[in-house]
């Protein structure tokens, strides 16, 4: 991704700051075009279905933070963030509709957030991060999603 590429996006701009106050274009050359394009489309989709304010997305990180050893963040294929007014349930649904193939969520973080990535596979890998542990169990993931939907 290039700085000029941010000008073509509908929902993000080159002067925007992430959750920690860092420019989202920091190390933008490492961010895959497909990732930011898909994220931009999912924000447009969220705004269309839930409204302009609820559908806004705040980026927590692309490639600047420390992540697990084989994280897709290091290859520019992942983003962490949250929609301002959507539940984690709604956020995960938007991610699935947008075609992300890695979807995790972190309900116990100070500001709960989702992880979206574009790993090369024809299915969706899901997980949640609870009690300082990654849980790759679809039944537990689904159960937690349903709990989030009931809130």
N, C-alpha and C. Protein backbone atom coordinates (compact mmCIF):
# COMPACT_ATOMS: atom_id res chain seq x y z
N UNK A 1 0.86 -1.18 0.00
CA UNK A 1 0.00 0.00 0.00
C UNK A 1 0.90 1.23 0.00
N UNK A 2 0.45 2.24 -0.70
CA UNK A 2 1.19 3.50 -0.74
C UNK A 2 0.39 4.60 -0.05
N UNK A 3 1.07 5.66 0.29
CA UNK A 3 0.38 6.80 0.89
C UNK A 3 -0.67 7.32 -0.09
N UNK A 4 -0.33 7.35 -1.37
CA UNK A 4 -1.28 7.79 -2.38
C UNK A 4 -2.50 6.88 -2.43
N UNK A 5 -2.30 5.60 -2.14
CA UNK A 5 -3.40 4.65 -2.15
C UNK A 5 -4.46 4.97 -1.11
N UNK A 6 -4.04 5.56 0.00
CA UNK A 6 -5.00 5.94 1.03
C UNK A 6 -5.99 6.99 0.52
N UNK A 7 -5.55 7.80 -0.43
CA UNK A 7 -6.43 8.84 -0.99
C UNK A 7 -7.60 8.23 -1.75
N UNK A 8 -7.46 7.00 -2.21
CA UNK A 8 -8.53 6.33 -2.97
C UNK A 8 -9.53 5.59 -2.07
N UNK A 9 -9.25 5.54 -0.78
CA UNK A 9 -10.14 4.86 0.14
C UNK A 9 -11.32 5.76 0.50
N UNK A 10 -12.43 5.15 0.86
CA UNK A 10 -13.64 5.90 1.20
C UNK A 10 -13.76 6.18 2.70
N UNK A 11 -13.14 5.36 3.53
CA UNK A 11 -13.37 5.45 4.96
C UNK A 11 -12.13 5.72 5.81
N UNK A 12 -10.99 5.81 5.20
CA UNK A 12 -9.74 6.08 5.91
C UNK A 12 -8.97 7.15 5.14
N UNK A 13 -8.18 7.92 5.85
CA UNK A 13 -7.36 8.93 5.18
C UNK A 13 -5.96 8.92 5.76
N UNK A 14 -5.01 9.46 5.00
CA UNK A 14 -3.61 9.37 5.37
C UNK A 14 -3.25 10.11 6.66
N UNK A 15 -4.06 11.05 7.11
CA UNK A 15 -3.76 11.77 8.35
C UNK A 15 -4.43 11.14 9.58
N UNK A 16 -5.14 10.05 9.38
CA UNK A 16 -5.86 9.40 10.47
C UNK A 16 -4.90 8.72 11.45
N UNK A 17 -5.28 8.75 12.72
CA UNK A 17 -4.47 8.13 13.76
C UNK A 17 -5.12 6.84 14.24
N UNK A 18 -4.29 5.90 14.66
CA UNK A 18 -4.83 4.65 15.19
C UNK A 18 -5.24 4.85 16.66
N UNK A 19 -5.65 3.78 17.28
CA UNK A 19 -6.15 3.76 18.66
C UNK A 19 -5.14 4.35 19.65
N UNK A 20 -3.86 4.21 19.35
CA UNK A 20 -2.80 4.70 20.24
C UNK A 20 -2.23 6.05 19.82
N UNK A 21 -2.86 6.68 18.82
CA UNK A 21 -2.42 7.99 18.39
C UNK A 21 -1.31 8.00 17.35
N UNK A 22 -1.03 6.85 16.74
CA UNK A 22 0.01 6.75 15.71
C UNK A 22 -0.64 6.89 14.34
N UNK A 23 0.06 7.51 13.39
CA UNK A 23 -0.50 7.60 12.03
C UNK A 23 -0.74 6.20 11.46
N UNK A 24 -1.93 5.98 10.90
CA UNK A 24 -2.22 4.64 10.36
C UNK A 24 -1.36 4.33 9.14
N UNK A 25 -0.75 5.34 8.55
CA UNK A 25 0.10 5.07 7.39
C UNK A 25 1.53 4.70 7.79
N UNK A 26 1.80 4.63 9.11
CA UNK A 26 3.13 4.18 9.54
C UNK A 26 3.39 2.81 8.94
N UNK A 27 4.51 2.69 8.26
CA UNK A 27 4.90 1.43 7.59
C UNK A 27 3.83 0.97 6.60
N UNK A 28 3.17 1.92 5.94
CA UNK A 28 2.08 1.55 5.03
C UNK A 28 2.56 0.69 3.86
N UNK A 29 3.83 0.76 3.53
CA UNK A 29 4.32 -0.06 2.43
C UNK A 29 4.26 -1.55 2.76
N UNK A 30 4.13 -1.88 4.05
CA UNK A 30 4.02 -3.28 4.46
C UNK A 30 2.59 -3.80 4.43
N UNK A 31 1.61 -2.90 4.33
CA UNK A 31 0.20 -3.30 4.37
C UNK A 31 -0.24 -3.75 2.97
N UNK A 32 -0.79 -4.94 2.89
CA UNK A 32 -1.26 -5.47 1.61
C UNK A 32 -2.48 -4.68 1.12
N UNK A 33 -2.49 -4.38 -0.15
CA UNK A 33 -3.59 -3.63 -0.76
C UNK A 33 -4.92 -4.35 -0.56
N UNK A 34 -4.94 -5.68 -0.71
CA UNK A 34 -6.18 -6.43 -0.54
C UNK A 34 -6.75 -6.27 0.87
N UNK A 35 -5.88 -6.20 1.87
CA UNK A 35 -6.34 -6.06 3.25
C UNK A 35 -7.04 -4.71 3.44
N UNK A 36 -6.40 -3.63 3.07
CA UNK A 36 -6.99 -2.31 3.32
C UNK A 36 -8.21 -2.07 2.43
N UNK A 37 -8.20 -2.61 1.23
CA UNK A 37 -9.36 -2.48 0.35
C UNK A 37 -10.55 -3.24 0.92
N UNK A 38 -10.31 -4.44 1.40
CA UNK A 38 -11.39 -5.25 2.00
C UNK A 38 -11.91 -4.58 3.28
N UNK A 39 -10.99 -4.03 4.08
CA UNK A 39 -11.40 -3.33 5.30
C UNK A 39 -12.24 -2.11 4.95
N UNK A 40 -11.81 -1.37 3.95
CA UNK A 40 -12.56 -0.18 3.52
C UNK A 40 -13.97 -0.57 3.07
N UNK A 41 -14.08 -1.66 2.32
CA UNK A 41 -15.40 -2.13 1.87
C UNK A 41 -16.25 -2.60 3.04
N UNK A 42 -15.64 -3.23 4.03
CA UNK A 42 -16.43 -3.69 5.18
C UNK A 42 -16.94 -2.52 6.01
N UNK A 43 -16.16 -1.45 6.09
CA UNK A 43 -16.64 -0.26 6.80
C UNK A 43 -17.80 0.37 6.03
N UNK A 44 -17.69 0.42 4.72
CA UNK A 44 -18.81 0.94 3.91
C UNK A 44 -20.06 0.09 4.13
N UNK A 45 -19.89 -1.21 4.17
CA UNK A 45 -21.00 -2.13 4.41
C UNK A 45 -21.61 -1.89 5.80
N UNK A 46 -20.76 -1.74 6.81
CA UNK A 46 -21.25 -1.49 8.17
C UNK A 46 -22.02 -0.17 8.24
N UNK A 47 -21.50 0.85 7.59
CA UNK A 47 -22.17 2.15 7.59
C UNK A 47 -23.52 2.07 6.87
N UNK A 48 -23.55 1.31 5.80
CA UNK A 48 -24.79 1.14 5.04
C UNK A 48 -25.87 0.47 5.89
N UNK A 49 -25.48 -0.56 6.63
CA UNK A 49 -26.46 -1.34 7.40
C UNK A 49 -26.74 -0.79 8.79
N UNK A 50 -25.75 -0.15 9.41
CA UNK A 50 -25.90 0.27 10.80
C UNK A 50 -25.85 1.79 11.00
N UNK A 51 -25.55 2.53 9.95
CA UNK A 51 -25.47 3.98 10.07
C UNK A 51 -24.04 4.48 10.07
N UNK A 52 -23.87 5.72 9.65
CA UNK A 52 -22.53 6.29 9.50
C UNK A 52 -21.74 6.34 10.79
N UNK A 53 -22.38 6.64 11.90
CA UNK A 53 -21.64 6.73 13.17
C UNK A 53 -21.30 5.35 13.73
N UNK A 54 -22.27 4.45 13.76
CA UNK A 54 -22.02 3.11 14.29
C UNK A 54 -21.06 2.31 13.43
N UNK A 55 -21.03 2.60 12.14
CA UNK A 55 -20.20 1.83 11.22
C UNK A 55 -18.76 2.28 11.12
N UNK A 56 -18.38 3.36 11.81
CA UNK A 56 -16.98 3.81 11.77
C UNK A 56 -16.08 2.76 12.42
N UNK A 57 -14.88 2.65 11.89
CA UNK A 57 -13.93 1.65 12.38
C UNK A 57 -12.67 2.34 12.88
N UNK A 58 -12.26 2.03 14.10
CA UNK A 58 -11.03 2.57 14.66
C UNK A 58 -9.97 1.50 14.61
N UNK A 59 -8.89 1.77 13.90
CA UNK A 59 -7.80 0.82 13.76
C UNK A 59 -6.98 0.81 15.05
N UNK A 60 -6.71 -0.39 15.55
CA UNK A 60 -5.82 -0.55 16.70
C UNK A 60 -4.40 -0.79 16.19
N UNK A 61 -4.26 -1.64 15.18
CA UNK A 61 -2.92 -1.91 14.65
C UNK A 61 -2.97 -2.63 13.31
N UNK A 62 -2.01 -2.25 12.48
CA UNK A 62 -1.71 -3.01 11.26
C UNK A 62 -0.41 -3.80 11.51
N UNK A 63 0.72 -3.09 11.55
CA UNK A 63 2.03 -3.75 11.60
C UNK A 63 2.97 -3.19 12.67
N UNK A 64 2.48 -2.37 13.58
CA UNK A 64 3.38 -1.71 14.52
C UNK A 64 3.56 -2.42 15.86
N UNK A 65 2.55 -3.13 16.33
CA UNK A 65 2.61 -3.77 17.65
C UNK A 65 3.28 -5.13 17.59
N UNK A 66 3.56 -5.68 18.77
CA UNK A 66 4.07 -7.04 18.87
C UNK A 66 2.88 -7.99 18.85
N UNK A 67 3.02 -9.08 18.10
CA UNK A 67 1.95 -10.07 17.95
C UNK A 67 2.52 -11.47 18.12
N UNK A 68 1.66 -12.47 18.04
CA UNK A 68 2.12 -13.85 18.15
C UNK A 68 3.12 -14.15 17.03
N UNK A 69 3.90 -15.17 17.23
CA UNK A 69 5.04 -15.48 16.36
C UNK A 69 4.71 -15.53 14.87
N UNK A 70 3.65 -16.21 14.48
CA UNK A 70 3.32 -16.37 13.07
C UNK A 70 2.19 -15.46 12.63
N UNK A 71 2.04 -14.34 13.30
CA UNK A 71 0.94 -13.42 13.02
C UNK A 71 0.96 -12.89 11.60
N UNK A 72 -0.22 -12.76 11.04
CA UNK A 72 -0.38 -12.17 9.71
C UNK A 72 -0.11 -10.66 9.73
N UNK A 73 -0.02 -10.07 10.91
CA UNK A 73 0.34 -8.64 10.99
C UNK A 73 1.72 -8.41 10.39
N UNK A 74 2.65 -9.32 10.64
CA UNK A 74 4.03 -9.14 10.17
C UNK A 74 4.15 -9.18 8.66
N UNK A 75 3.17 -9.77 7.98
CA UNK A 75 3.19 -9.81 6.52
C UNK A 75 2.23 -8.80 5.91
N UNK A 76 1.67 -7.93 6.74
CA UNK A 76 0.77 -6.89 6.24
C UNK A 76 -0.60 -7.40 5.84
N UNK A 77 -0.98 -8.57 6.37
CA UNK A 77 -2.24 -9.20 5.99
C UNK A 77 -3.27 -9.20 7.11
N UNK A 78 -3.08 -8.37 8.15
CA UNK A 78 -4.01 -8.38 9.29
C UNK A 78 -4.19 -6.98 9.85
N UNK A 79 -5.36 -6.79 10.43
CA UNK A 79 -5.67 -5.53 11.11
C UNK A 79 -6.48 -5.85 12.36
N UNK A 80 -6.22 -5.07 13.41
CA UNK A 80 -7.02 -5.14 14.62
C UNK A 80 -7.76 -3.82 14.76
N UNK A 81 -8.99 -3.86 15.25
CA UNK A 81 -9.73 -2.63 15.46
C UNK A 81 -11.13 -2.89 15.96
N UNK A 82 -11.88 -1.82 16.07
CA UNK A 82 -13.27 -1.97 16.52
C UNK A 82 -14.17 -0.98 15.79
N UNK A 83 -15.40 -1.40 15.57
CA UNK A 83 -16.43 -0.52 15.06
C UNK A 83 -16.98 0.25 16.25
N UNK A 84 -17.22 1.53 16.08
CA UNK A 84 -17.64 2.38 17.20
C UNK A 84 -18.94 1.92 17.85
N UNK A 85 -19.93 1.53 17.08
CA UNK A 85 -21.22 1.23 17.67
C UNK A 85 -21.71 -0.18 17.45
N UNK A 86 -20.87 -1.07 16.97
CA UNK A 86 -21.29 -2.44 16.70
C UNK A 86 -20.82 -3.37 17.80
N UNK A 87 -21.62 -4.36 18.09
CA UNK A 87 -21.20 -5.40 19.02
C UNK A 87 -20.12 -6.25 18.35
N UNK A 88 -19.45 -7.04 19.14
CA UNK A 88 -18.48 -7.97 18.55
C UNK A 88 -19.18 -8.95 17.63
N UNK A 89 -20.39 -9.33 17.97
CA UNK A 89 -21.18 -10.22 17.12
C UNK A 89 -21.39 -9.59 15.74
N UNK A 90 -21.85 -8.35 15.72
CA UNK A 90 -22.07 -7.65 14.45
C UNK A 90 -20.77 -7.45 13.69
N UNK A 91 -19.70 -7.16 14.42
CA UNK A 91 -18.39 -6.96 13.80
C UNK A 91 -17.90 -8.23 13.11
N UNK A 92 -18.05 -9.36 13.77
CA UNK A 92 -17.63 -10.63 13.19
C UNK A 92 -18.46 -10.94 11.95
N UNK A 93 -19.77 -10.69 12.01
CA UNK A 93 -20.61 -10.92 10.83
C UNK A 93 -20.15 -10.07 9.65
N UNK A 94 -19.86 -8.81 9.90
CA UNK A 94 -19.37 -7.93 8.83
C UNK A 94 -18.07 -8.50 8.25
N UNK A 95 -17.18 -8.96 9.12
CA UNK A 95 -15.92 -9.55 8.65
C UNK A 95 -16.13 -10.79 7.79
N UNK A 96 -17.10 -11.60 8.17
CA UNK A 96 -17.41 -12.80 7.38
C UNK A 96 -17.99 -12.42 6.01
N UNK A 97 -18.89 -11.47 6.01
CA UNK A 97 -19.49 -11.02 4.75
C UNK A 97 -18.43 -10.41 3.83
N UNK A 98 -17.48 -9.69 4.42
CA UNK A 98 -16.43 -9.03 3.64
C UNK A 98 -15.40 -10.01 3.10
N UNK A 99 -15.43 -11.24 3.58
CA UNK A 99 -14.55 -12.26 3.04
C UNK A 99 -13.21 -12.41 3.74
N UNK A 100 -13.10 -11.91 4.97
CA UNK A 100 -11.86 -12.15 5.72
C UNK A 100 -11.79 -13.63 6.05
N UNK A 101 -10.60 -14.21 6.00
CA UNK A 101 -10.45 -15.64 6.22
C UNK A 101 -9.85 -15.97 7.58
N UNK A 102 -9.47 -14.97 8.32
CA UNK A 102 -9.05 -15.12 9.71
C UNK A 102 -9.80 -14.08 10.52
N UNK A 103 -10.58 -14.53 11.50
CA UNK A 103 -11.37 -13.61 12.31
C UNK A 103 -11.24 -14.03 13.78
N UNK A 104 -10.68 -13.12 14.55
CA UNK A 104 -10.57 -13.36 15.97
C UNK A 104 -11.22 -12.22 16.71
N UNK A 105 -11.58 -12.47 17.96
CA UNK A 105 -12.06 -11.35 18.73
C UNK A 105 -11.59 -11.45 20.16
N UNK A 106 -11.46 -10.27 20.74
CA UNK A 106 -10.80 -10.07 22.01
C UNK A 106 -11.76 -9.34 22.95
N UNK A 107 -12.72 -10.08 23.51
CA UNK A 107 -13.77 -9.44 24.30
C UNK A 107 -13.30 -8.91 25.65
N UNK A 108 -12.15 -9.36 26.14
CA UNK A 108 -11.69 -8.93 27.46
C UNK A 108 -10.69 -7.78 27.41
N UNK A 109 -10.37 -7.27 26.24
CA UNK A 109 -9.45 -6.14 26.13
C UNK A 109 -10.10 -4.89 26.71
N UNK A 110 -9.30 -3.91 27.10
CA UNK A 110 -9.85 -2.65 27.63
C UNK A 110 -10.90 -2.08 26.69
N UNK A 111 -10.60 -2.05 25.43
CA UNK A 111 -11.57 -1.74 24.39
C UNK A 111 -11.66 -2.99 23.53
N UNK A 112 -12.72 -3.79 23.69
CA UNK A 112 -12.83 -5.03 22.90
C UNK A 112 -12.66 -4.74 21.41
N UNK A 113 -12.00 -5.68 20.72
CA UNK A 113 -11.73 -5.48 19.30
C UNK A 113 -11.76 -6.78 18.54
N UNK A 114 -11.78 -6.64 17.21
CA UNK A 114 -11.73 -7.79 16.31
C UNK A 114 -10.41 -7.77 15.55
N UNK A 115 -10.02 -8.92 15.11
CA UNK A 115 -8.86 -9.11 14.25
C UNK A 115 -9.40 -9.65 12.94
N UNK A 116 -9.02 -9.02 11.84
CA UNK A 116 -9.39 -9.51 10.51
C UNK A 116 -8.10 -9.77 9.75
N UNK A 117 -8.04 -10.90 9.04
CA UNK A 117 -6.88 -11.11 8.16
C UNK A 117 -7.30 -11.80 6.88
N UNK A 118 -6.35 -11.81 5.95
CA UNK A 118 -6.61 -12.32 4.60
C UNK A 118 -5.70 -13.51 4.30
N UNK A 119 -5.59 -14.42 5.24
CA UNK A 119 -4.76 -15.61 5.02
C UNK A 119 -5.27 -16.36 3.79
N UNK A 120 -4.36 -17.00 3.09
CA UNK A 120 -4.72 -17.70 1.86
C UNK A 120 -5.31 -19.07 2.17
N UNK A 121 -6.63 -19.11 2.20
CA UNK A 121 -7.35 -20.37 2.42
C UNK A 121 -8.80 -20.14 1.99
N UNK A 122 -9.50 -21.23 1.76
CA UNK A 122 -10.89 -21.10 1.29
C UNK A 122 -11.91 -21.35 2.40
N UNK A 123 -11.51 -21.17 3.64
CA UNK A 123 -12.40 -21.29 4.78
C UNK A 123 -12.00 -20.21 5.79
N UNK A 124 -12.78 -20.05 6.83
CA UNK A 124 -12.52 -19.02 7.84
C UNK A 124 -11.98 -19.68 9.10
N UNK A 125 -10.82 -19.21 9.54
CA UNK A 125 -10.29 -19.63 10.84
C UNK A 125 -10.78 -18.62 11.86
N UNK A 126 -11.37 -19.12 12.94
CA UNK A 126 -11.90 -18.25 13.98
C UNK A 126 -11.26 -18.59 15.32
N UNK A 127 -11.15 -17.58 16.17
CA UNK A 127 -10.66 -17.77 17.52
C UNK A 127 -11.10 -16.62 18.39
N UNK A 128 -10.99 -16.83 19.67
CA UNK A 128 -11.16 -15.72 20.59
C UNK A 128 -10.01 -15.77 21.59
N UNK A 129 -9.75 -14.63 22.15
CA UNK A 129 -8.68 -14.51 23.13
C UNK A 129 -9.32 -14.21 24.47
N UNK A 130 -9.33 -15.23 25.34
CA UNK A 130 -9.93 -15.06 26.67
C UNK A 130 -8.99 -15.66 27.71
N UNK A 131 -8.98 -15.03 28.87
CA UNK A 131 -8.16 -15.48 30.00
C UNK A 131 -6.70 -15.67 29.57
N UNK A 132 -6.19 -14.69 28.77
CA UNK A 132 -4.80 -14.70 28.28
C UNK A 132 -4.45 -15.94 27.47
N UNK A 133 -5.43 -16.44 26.73
CA UNK A 133 -5.22 -17.66 25.96
C UNK A 133 -6.00 -17.58 24.64
N UNK A 134 -5.37 -18.07 23.56
CA UNK A 134 -6.05 -18.18 22.28
C UNK A 134 -6.87 -19.46 22.28
N UNK A 135 -8.15 -19.35 21.95
CA UNK A 135 -9.04 -20.51 21.94
C UNK A 135 -9.54 -20.69 20.50
N UNK A 136 -9.09 -21.79 19.86
CA UNK A 136 -9.47 -22.11 18.49
C UNK A 136 -10.52 -23.21 18.49
N UNK A 137 -11.59 -22.99 19.19
CA UNK A 137 -12.67 -23.97 19.28
C UNK A 137 -13.93 -23.29 18.74
N UNK A 138 -14.43 -23.77 17.61
CA UNK A 138 -15.56 -23.11 16.97
C UNK A 138 -16.81 -23.10 17.84
N UNK A 139 -17.03 -24.15 18.61
CA UNK A 139 -18.20 -24.18 19.50
C UNK A 139 -18.12 -23.09 20.56
N UNK A 140 -16.95 -22.91 21.15
CA UNK A 140 -16.77 -21.86 22.15
C UNK A 140 -16.88 -20.49 21.49
N UNK A 141 -16.29 -20.35 20.31
CA UNK A 141 -16.38 -19.10 19.55
C UNK A 141 -17.84 -18.75 19.29
N UNK A 142 -18.61 -19.71 18.81
CA UNK A 142 -20.02 -19.48 18.50
C UNK A 142 -20.82 -19.16 19.76
N UNK A 143 -20.56 -19.89 20.83
CA UNK A 143 -21.25 -19.63 22.09
C UNK A 143 -20.99 -18.20 22.57
N UNK A 144 -19.74 -17.78 22.48
CA UNK A 144 -19.40 -16.40 22.91
C UNK A 144 -20.04 -15.36 21.99
N UNK A 145 -20.09 -15.65 20.71
CA UNK A 145 -20.75 -14.74 19.76
C UNK A 145 -22.23 -14.58 20.11
N UNK A 146 -22.87 -15.68 20.44
CA UNK A 146 -24.28 -15.61 20.81
C UNK A 146 -24.48 -14.82 22.10
N UNK A 147 -23.55 -14.95 23.04
CA UNK A 147 -23.62 -14.15 24.26
C UNK A 147 -23.50 -12.66 23.93
N UNK A 148 -22.61 -12.33 23.01
CA UNK A 148 -22.42 -10.94 22.60
C UNK A 148 -23.68 -10.41 21.89
N UNK A 149 -24.33 -11.28 21.13
CA UNK A 149 -25.53 -10.86 20.40
C UNK A 149 -26.68 -10.54 21.34
N UNK A 150 -26.72 -11.19 22.49
CA UNK A 150 -27.79 -10.99 23.46
C UNK A 150 -27.61 -9.73 24.31
N UNK A 151 -26.45 -9.11 24.23
CA UNK A 151 -26.19 -7.92 25.06
C UNK A 151 -26.96 -6.73 24.57
